[in-house]
Each structure stands twice: as structure tokens, then as C-alpha cells.
Protein backbone atom coordinates (compact mmCIF):
# COMPACT_ATOMS: atom_id res chain seq x y z
CA UNK A 1 3.77 0.63 6.17
CA UNK A 2 3.68 0.43 9.92
CA UNK A 3 -0.02 -0.47 9.86
CA UNK A 4 -2.78 -0.91 7.34
CA UNK A 5 -5.52 1.62 8.02
CA UNK A 6 -9.12 0.45 8.27
CA UNK A 7 -11.28 1.36 5.27
CA UNK A 8 -13.23 4.00 7.19
CA UNK A 9 -10.06 5.76 8.29
CA UNK A 10 -8.72 5.69 4.72
CA UNK A 11 -11.93 7.21 3.33
CA UNK A 12 -12.06 9.76 6.13
CA UNK A 13 -8.46 10.85 5.42
CA UNK A 14 -9.45 11.41 1.80
CA UNK A 15 -12.48 13.41 3.02
CA UNK A 16 -14.89 10.91 1.46
CA UNK A 17 -18.21 10.12 3.08
CA UNK A 18 -18.79 6.37 3.54
CA UNK A 19 -21.82 6.36 1.22
CA UNK A 20 -22.02 7.37 -2.41
CA UNK A 21 -20.07 6.95 -5.61
CA UNK A 22 -16.75 8.27 -4.30
CA UNK A 23 -16.83 5.74 -1.46
CA UNK A 24 -17.47 2.95 -3.98
CA UNK A 25 -14.58 4.08 -6.19
CA UNK A 26 -12.16 4.48 -3.32
CA UNK A 27 -13.18 1.23 -1.67
CA UNK A 28 -11.85 -0.30 -4.89
CA UNK A 29 -8.64 1.71 -4.49
CA UNK A 30 -8.36 0.53 -0.87
CA UNK A 31 -8.83 -3.08 -1.96
CA UNK A 32 -6.16 -2.77 -4.68
CA UNK A 33 -3.64 -1.34 -2.25
CA UNK A 34 -4.37 -3.11 1.02
CA UNK A 35 -6.53 -6.20 0.47
CA UNK A 36 -5.44 -7.70 -2.85
CA UNK A 37 -1.77 -6.73 -2.57
CA UNK A 38 0.92 -9.13 -1.37
CA UNK A 39 2.63 -8.40 1.94
CA UNK A 40 6.22 -9.24 1.06
CA UNK A 41 7.40 -9.02 4.66
CA UNK A 42 4.79 -11.56 5.76
CA UNK A 43 5.70 -13.85 2.85
CA UNK A 44 9.38 -13.63 3.76
CA UNK A 45 8.71 -14.33 7.44
CA UNK A 46 6.41 -17.27 6.67
CA UNK A 47 8.07 -18.94 3.70
CA UNK A 48 11.36 -17.49 2.53
CA UNK A 49 13.38 -16.70 5.67
CA UNK A 50 15.00 -20.16 5.43
CA UNK A 51 16.08 -19.53 1.81
CA UNK A 52 17.29 -15.94 2.07
CA UNK A 53 19.50 -14.64 4.90
CA UNK A 54 17.77 -11.25 5.10
CA UNK A 55 14.58 -9.55 4.04
CA UNK A 56 16.66 -7.17 1.91
CA UNK A 57 18.24 -10.11 0.05
CA UNK A 58 14.82 -11.68 -0.53
CA UNK A 59 13.37 -8.44 -1.91
CA UNK A 60 16.36 -7.80 -4.15
CA UNK A 61 16.70 -11.33 -5.52
CA UNK A 62 13.05 -12.40 -5.76
CA UNK A 63 11.33 -9.11 -6.54
CA UNK A 64 14.19 -7.02 -7.95
CA UNK A 65 13.49 -4.12 -5.59
CA UNK A 66 15.90 -2.30 -3.32
CA UNK A 67 14.66 -0.59 -0.16
CA UNK A 68 16.18 1.96 2.14
CA UNK A 69 17.08 0.25 5.46
CA UNK A 70 14.52 2.39 7.32
CA UNK A 71 11.77 1.12 5.00
CA UNK A 72 12.73 -2.47 5.78
CA UNK A 73 11.84 -1.87 9.43
CA UNK A 74 8.17 -1.32 8.62
CA UNK A 75 5.57 -3.93 9.51
CA UNK A 76 4.14 -4.25 6.00
CA UNK A 77 5.87 -4.11 2.62
CA UNK A 78 3.06 -4.27 0.11
CA UNK A 79 3.43 -5.27 -3.55
CA UNK A 80 0.55 -4.16 -5.74
CA UNK A 81 0.27 -6.29 -8.88
CA UNK A 82 -1.30 -3.58 -11.01
CA UNK A 83 -3.36 -0.50 -10.40
CA UNK A 84 -6.45 0.38 -12.34
CA UNK A 85 -9.41 2.68 -12.37
CA UNK A 86 -8.84 6.08 -10.84
CA UNK A 87 -5.22 5.18 -9.99
CA UNK A 88 -4.32 4.27 -13.58
CA UNK A 89 -1.73 6.67 -14.98
CA UNK A 90 -3.45 6.70 -18.39
CA UNK A 91 -6.68 7.91 -16.76
CA UNK A 92 -6.78 11.70 -17.22
CA UNK A 93 -8.05 12.46 -13.73
CA UNK A 94 -5.98 9.83 -11.91
CA UNK A 95 -5.62 10.34 -8.18
CA UNK A 96 -2.38 8.46 -7.57
CA UNK A 97 -0.56 11.44 -6.02
CA UNK A 98 -3.53 12.25 -3.78
CA UNK A 99 -3.79 8.68 -2.53
CA UNK A 100 -0.04 8.37 -1.91
CA UNK A 101 -0.05 11.66 0.03
CA UNK A 102 -3.03 10.41 2.06
CA UNK A 103 -1.25 7.15 2.91
CA UNK A 104 1.88 9.04 3.95
CA UNK A 105 -0.20 11.30 6.19
CA UNK A 106 -1.92 8.31 7.78
CA UNK A 107 1.43 6.66 8.34
CA UNK A 108 2.82 9.80 9.94
CA UNK A 109 -0.27 10.05 12.12
CA UNK A 110 -1.57 13.19 10.41
CA UNK A 111 -4.84 13.90 8.72
CA UNK A 112 -4.65 17.09 6.66
């Protein structure tokens, strides 16, 4: 991600009012994705840049993930340990696709 959106902007992009049950549920989603996740770019810059010659090498060797070069240019590379609640795939009404689309729209500077 180029930037982490503030909670209010995230809720607004999902068309959720800041009070009520939906706001409580999606504040949890926000925390899972943006607060409790690990920023792998920041970790690399702070700790691992002396061990690994590039961010790409660090991600591939330490985290077994391969990114497109354009993705490596982003400010934040977030690793989410596990998702739960309304994002959980086993949950019948999971909103994973909706949240991912919202994040992409925010990143592109759009709010549909």
C-alpha cells in the first residue's frame, strides 16, 4: 500500500456510519489489516537490510512470498497473520472481496 487510510476514511469508503454495529465489526477488520499486521517493508528497512541485499530477497527467503516489482515500490507491505470474523472464508457472509475492493479503490484514490 502507498498509505494506510485512517479508520474514518476506511469506514466511509465502505459506506459505514461511524456509530453502530457495522462500525464495530469493521473497526475490527481495520485493526486486523492495518493495526495488528506486520509491515514487512518497515521491518526490512529497520532490521534486515544488512542481512538481505534487497527487499525482494528478504520477502522471498524469510516469508516465502514473491511480489511483482511494482508492488515492491509501495510504502507498506502488510502481512496479516490470520483473518477472522467477517473476513473468515468459512463465514457464510464473509466480506473479504468487498474489503479488498474497497482498499484497492482507496489506494487508487477512488471512492465508489
